[in-house]
Amino acid sequence: MKSSKSRETGNLSDTMMILGYGGTLPFIFLSLLMAEAVIFGAGLQSAAIFGLYAPNLFVSYSAIILSFLSGTLWDRDGSAPEDLKGNMILLVSNLLALTAWIALILALFSSLMTLLAVSLLIAGYTTMLLFERPLRLVYFRYWKLRLHLSAIVVAAHCLVMILLIQDS
């Protein structure tokens, strides 16, 4: 028998919530590290962890998370791969994963390309949200969690974009 807490969350487990919000911590930490470097330090070029450039770490983490999310679309609703809905889900999933990969490559070239990479990642997260909901791929409680997590992630990306523009 399910507990009242399980029914209340619509089958969202505590683990899912902890992992979801925990997954936003690198976005928050890295964007704040970059903000501190721009505001109080020697600029964005000085933002690093163990000698690794913070904007590249941010983009690489974001690309991995977007790829992971795109993979969750596979067989989400049980549609047969042969039907239109199933094919569309697979195509969007692959497009999002490729977008993340392109963003990862772009960030290696220059600050301007890193800015483009961050923009592509924002577009990827937004596309994921806009695609999931109308297809009824998520139930309400999970959708609410996804909205909260995505808002945090997109806000961190916007901060990084501002910092990249300000530092250039």
Protein backbone atom coordinates (compact mmCIF):
# COMPACT_ATOMS: atom_id res chain seq x y z
CA MET A 1 0.00 0.00 0.00
CA LYS A 2 1.31 3.44 -0.94
CA SER A 3 1.87 5.98 1.74
CA SER A 4 -0.02 9.25 1.73
CA LYS A 5 3.27 11.02 0.98
CA SER A 6 3.76 8.93 -2.16
CA ARG A 7 0.22 9.67 -3.35
CA GLU A 8 0.68 13.35 -2.55
CA THR A 9 3.80 13.62 -4.70
CA GLY A 10 2.27 11.68 -7.59
CA ASN A 11 4.92 8.93 -7.37
CA LEU A 12 7.83 11.35 -7.10
CA SER A 13 10.37 9.65 -4.92
CA ASP A 14 12.52 11.46 -2.40
CA THR A 15 15.51 10.21 -4.37
CA MET A 16 14.19 11.86 -7.54
CA MET A 17 13.73 15.15 -5.71
CA ILE A 18 17.17 14.99 -4.07
CA LEU A 19 18.91 14.09 -7.32
CA GLY A 20 16.96 16.72 -9.25
CA TYR A 21 17.75 19.60 -6.93
CA GLY A 22 21.24 18.25 -6.26
CA GLY A 23 21.84 18.29 -10.01
CA THR A 24 21.31 22.05 -10.03
CA LEU A 25 24.14 22.63 -7.54
CA PRO A 26 26.96 22.57 -10.14
CA PHE A 27 25.03 25.13 -12.23
CA ILE A 28 24.60 27.37 -9.21
CA PHE A 29 28.14 26.93 -7.91
CA LEU A 30 29.85 27.49 -11.26
CA SER A 31 27.73 30.51 -12.22
CA LEU A 32 28.36 32.11 -8.80
CA LEU A 33 32.09 31.34 -9.06
CA MET A 34 32.14 33.12 -12.42
CA ALA A 35 30.15 36.06 -11.04
CA GLU A 36 32.59 36.39 -8.14
CA ALA A 37 35.53 36.38 -10.57
CA VAL A 38 33.96 39.08 -12.73
CA ILE A 39 32.77 41.29 -9.86
CA PHE A 40 35.59 40.90 -7.34
CA GLY A 41 38.39 39.15 -9.19
CA ALA A 42 40.51 39.52 -12.26
CA GLY A 43 37.68 38.77 -14.65
CA LEU A 44 36.10 35.66 -16.07
CA GLN A 45 39.47 34.34 -17.26
CA SER A 46 40.42 33.88 -13.60
CA ALA A 47 37.40 31.68 -12.84
CA ALA A 48 38.76 28.16 -12.57
CA ILE A 49 38.55 24.98 -10.54
CA PHE A 50 41.73 22.89 -10.37
CA GLY A 51 43.02 24.89 -13.32
CA LEU A 52 39.96 24.17 -15.46
CA TYR A 53 38.20 27.19 -16.96
CA ALA A 54 34.82 27.57 -15.21
CA PRO A 55 32.77 28.49 -18.33
CA ASN A 56 33.98 25.29 -20.03
CA LEU A 57 33.09 23.25 -16.95
CA PHE A 58 29.65 24.88 -16.92
CA VAL A 59 29.02 24.12 -20.61
CA SER A 60 30.30 20.55 -20.31
CA TYR A 61 28.12 19.81 -17.28
CA SER A 62 25.13 21.41 -18.98
CA ALA A 63 25.69 19.39 -22.16
CA ILE A 64 25.77 16.16 -20.15
CA ILE A 65 22.57 17.03 -18.28
CA LEU A 66 20.75 18.03 -21.48
CA SER A 67 21.87 14.78 -23.12
CA PHE A 68 20.64 12.83 -20.10
CA LEU A 69 17.26 14.58 -20.23
CA SER A 70 16.93 13.96 -23.94
CA GLY A 71 17.59 10.28 -23.31
CA THR A 72 14.69 10.16 -20.86
CA LEU A 73 12.35 10.80 -23.78
CA TRP A 74 13.06 7.37 -25.24
CA ASP A 75 10.08 5.13 -24.63
CA ARG A 76 8.64 7.66 -22.17
CA ASP A 77 5.03 7.18 -23.13
CA GLY A 78 5.15 3.68 -24.58
CA SER A 79 4.36 4.82 -28.13
CA ALA A 80 5.34 2.39 -30.80
CA PRO A 81 8.43 3.70 -32.62
CA GLU A 82 6.55 3.33 -35.90
CA ASP A 83 3.82 5.83 -35.09
CA LEU A 84 4.18 9.58 -35.72
CA LYS A 85 4.33 10.49 -32.03
CA GLY A 86 6.98 7.86 -31.32
CA ASN A 87 9.10 8.99 -34.28
CA MET A 88 8.81 12.64 -33.24
CA ILE A 89 9.94 11.82 -29.70
CA LEU A 90 12.98 9.95 -31.00
CA LEU A 91 13.88 12.73 -33.44
CA VAL A 92 13.61 15.48 -30.83
CA SER A 93 15.59 13.39 -28.35
CA ASN A 94 18.43 12.96 -30.84
CA LEU A 95 18.29 16.61 -31.90
CA LEU A 96 18.65 17.73 -28.27
CA ALA A 97 21.60 15.38 -27.69
CA LEU A 98 23.31 16.67 -30.84
CA THR A 99 22.64 20.26 -29.77
CA ALA A 100 24.37 19.54 -26.46
CA TRP A 101 27.33 18.00 -28.27
CA ILE A 102 27.64 20.99 -30.63
CA ALA A 103 27.52 23.34 -27.63
CA LEU A 104 30.32 21.38 -26.00
CA ILE A 105 32.49 21.71 -29.10
CA LEU A 106 31.72 25.41 -29.60
CA ALA A 107 32.84 26.26 -26.05
CA LEU A 108 36.35 25.11 -26.90
CA PHE A 109 36.97 27.89 -29.43
CA SER A 110 36.44 31.32 -27.86
CA SER A 111 34.36 33.37 -25.45
CA LEU A 112 32.03 34.33 -28.29
CA MET A 113 31.53 30.68 -29.19
CA THR A 114 31.00 29.88 -25.49
CA LEU A 115 28.25 32.50 -25.49
CA LEU A 116 26.67 30.76 -28.49
CA ALA A 117 27.05 27.40 -26.71
CA VAL A 118 25.25 28.68 -23.61
CA SER A 119 22.48 30.08 -25.86
CA LEU A 120 22.09 26.71 -27.57
CA LEU A 121 21.85 24.97 -24.21
CA ILE A 122 19.13 27.37 -23.05
CA ALA A 123 17.28 26.62 -26.28
CA GLY A 124 17.71 22.91 -25.61
CA TYR A 125 16.29 23.05 -22.09
CA THR A 126 13.41 25.22 -23.26
CA THR A 127 12.67 22.88 -26.17
CA MET A 128 12.67 19.92 -23.82
CA LEU A 129 10.04 21.58 -21.62
CA LEU A 130 7.91 22.78 -24.51
CA PHE A 131 8.05 19.35 -26.13
CA GLU A 132 7.31 17.23 -23.06
CA ARG A 133 4.17 18.88 -21.74
CA PRO A 134 1.85 18.93 -24.79
CA LEU A 135 2.64 15.28 -25.46
CA ARG A 136 1.55 14.46 -21.92
CA LEU A 137 4.87 12.73 -21.31
CA VAL A 138 4.94 13.87 -17.70
CA TYR A 139 2.46 13.80 -14.86
CA PHE A 140 1.68 16.95 -12.91
CA ARG A 141 4.00 16.51 -9.91
CA TYR A 142 6.94 15.63 -12.13
CA TRP A 143 6.07 18.55 -14.43
CA LYS A 144 6.12 20.93 -11.45
CA LEU A 145 9.54 19.59 -10.41
CA ARG A 146 10.83 19.94 -13.99
CA LEU A 147 9.61 23.54 -14.11
CA HIS A 148 11.43 24.39 -10.87
CA LEU A 149 14.64 22.66 -11.92
CA SER A 150 14.54 24.14 -15.41
CA ALA A 151 13.97 27.65 -14.02
CA ILE A 152 17.08 27.31 -11.86
CA VAL A 153 19.12 25.92 -14.74
CA VAL A 154 18.00 28.54 -17.27
CA ALA A 155 18.59 31.35 -14.72
CA ALA A 156 22.14 30.09 -14.18
CA HIS A 157 22.66 30.00 -17.95
CA CYS A 158 21.34 33.57 -18.28
CA LEU A 159 23.76 34.73 -15.57
CA VAL A 160 26.64 33.05 -17.40
CA MET A 161 25.57 34.73 -20.65
CA ILE A 162 25.56 38.13 -18.94
CA LEU A 163 28.99 37.46 -17.45
CA LEU A 164 30.38 36.37 -20.81
CA ILE A 165 29.03 39.52 -22.47
CA GLN A 166 30.24 41.77 -19.66
CA ASP A 167 33.71 40.23 -19.65
CA SER A 168 34.24 40.50 -23.41
